[in-house]
Amino acid sequence: MRKAPTYKQHRIHTTQLFSGPWISTIVNMGRKTVLTKDALTDTVTRVPGEYGSEEEALQAAREYIDREVRDLPD
């Protein structure tokens, strides 16, 4: 098992589905608040969408973090 990459206080996990596409989830390692309606718990959020590769899933997670985190108060 390899270590999940981190980005802006979030750990990014990717998983390949049996049907082939990749998905990603992010774990908030800092503030314990729900980011968006996509949150599964107060620290885990499912990034919407399925992706053709692991790298695409990682990039989608980074973009999601950039888009959602910038709108939150400090």
Protein backbone atom coordinates (compact mmCIF):
# COMPACT_ATOMS: atom_id res chain seq x y z
CA MET A 1 0.00 0.00 0.00
CA ARG A 2 1.45 3.35 -0.97
CA LYS A 3 1.08 6.55 0.97
CA ALA A 4 -1.77 8.82 -0.14
CA PRO A 5 -0.58 12.19 -1.47
CA THR A 6 -1.45 15.33 0.46
CA TYR A 7 -2.54 18.70 -0.93
CA LYS A 8 -3.46 21.80 1.10
CA GLN A 9 -4.08 19.84 4.33
CA HIS A 10 -6.07 17.13 2.53
CA ARG A 11 -5.06 13.53 1.92
CA ILE A 12 -6.22 12.31 -1.51
CA HIS A 13 -7.28 8.69 -1.95
CA THR A 14 -7.97 7.14 -5.34
CA THR A 15 -9.69 3.85 -6.13
CA GLN A 16 -10.26 2.05 -9.39
CA LEU A 17 -13.79 0.69 -9.73
CA PHE A 18 -14.35 -2.87 -11.00
CA SER A 19 -15.92 -1.36 -14.13
CA GLY A 20 -12.67 0.49 -14.90
CA PRO A 21 -12.98 4.21 -14.03
CA TRP A 22 -11.18 5.86 -11.12
CA ILE A 23 -12.76 7.86 -8.28
CA SER A 24 -11.22 9.99 -5.56
CA THR A 25 -12.00 11.00 -2.01
CA ILE A 26 -10.34 13.64 0.11
CA VAL A 27 -9.72 13.56 3.85
CA ASN A 28 -9.47 16.93 5.60
CA MET A 29 -6.48 16.79 7.95
CA GLY A 30 -7.03 20.33 9.23
CA ARG A 31 -10.36 22.00 9.92
CA LYS A 32 -13.11 19.55 10.86
CA THR A 33 -16.01 21.08 8.98
CA VAL A 34 -18.11 19.81 6.11
CA LEU A 35 -16.76 21.21 2.85
CA THR A 36 -19.79 20.69 0.61
CA LYS A 37 -22.88 18.62 -0.04
CA ASP A 38 -20.49 15.92 -1.36
CA ALA A 39 -19.15 15.28 2.17
CA LEU A 40 -19.52 11.76 3.48
CA THR A 41 -18.51 12.72 7.04
CA ASP A 42 -17.14 15.88 8.66
CA THR A 43 -13.66 14.99 7.34
CA VAL A 44 -14.21 12.80 4.24
CA THR A 45 -15.55 14.12 0.93
CA ARG A 46 -16.25 12.21 -2.28
CA VAL A 47 -15.05 14.12 -5.33
CA PRO A 48 -17.88 13.99 -7.89
CA GLY A 49 -17.23 12.13 -11.14
CA GLU A 50 -15.38 9.14 -12.52
CA TYR A 51 -12.06 9.45 -14.34
CA GLY A 52 -10.14 7.51 -16.96
CA SER A 53 -6.90 7.29 -15.00
CA GLU A 54 -5.54 7.63 -11.51
CA GLU A 55 -3.74 10.84 -12.46
CA GLU A 56 -7.01 12.35 -13.74
CA ALA A 57 -8.70 11.42 -10.44
CA LEU A 58 -5.86 13.05 -8.46
CA GLN A 59 -6.04 16.20 -10.57
CA ALA A 60 -9.82 16.37 -10.16
CA ALA A 61 -9.38 16.14 -6.38
CA ARG A 62 -6.82 18.98 -6.40
CA GLU A 63 -9.13 21.16 -8.49
CA TYR A 64 -12.06 20.32 -6.20
CA ILE A 65 -10.03 21.34 -3.14
CA ASP A 66 -8.95 24.58 -4.84
CA ARG A 67 -12.53 25.42 -5.82
CA GLU A 68 -14.24 24.50 -2.53
CA VAL A 69 -11.64 25.50 0.07
CA ARG A 70 -11.06 29.03 -1.22
CA ASP A 71 -14.68 29.93 -0.40
CA LEU A 72 -14.49 28.84 3.26
CA PRO A 73 -13.77 31.34 6.06
CA ASP A 74 -10.49 30.88 7.97
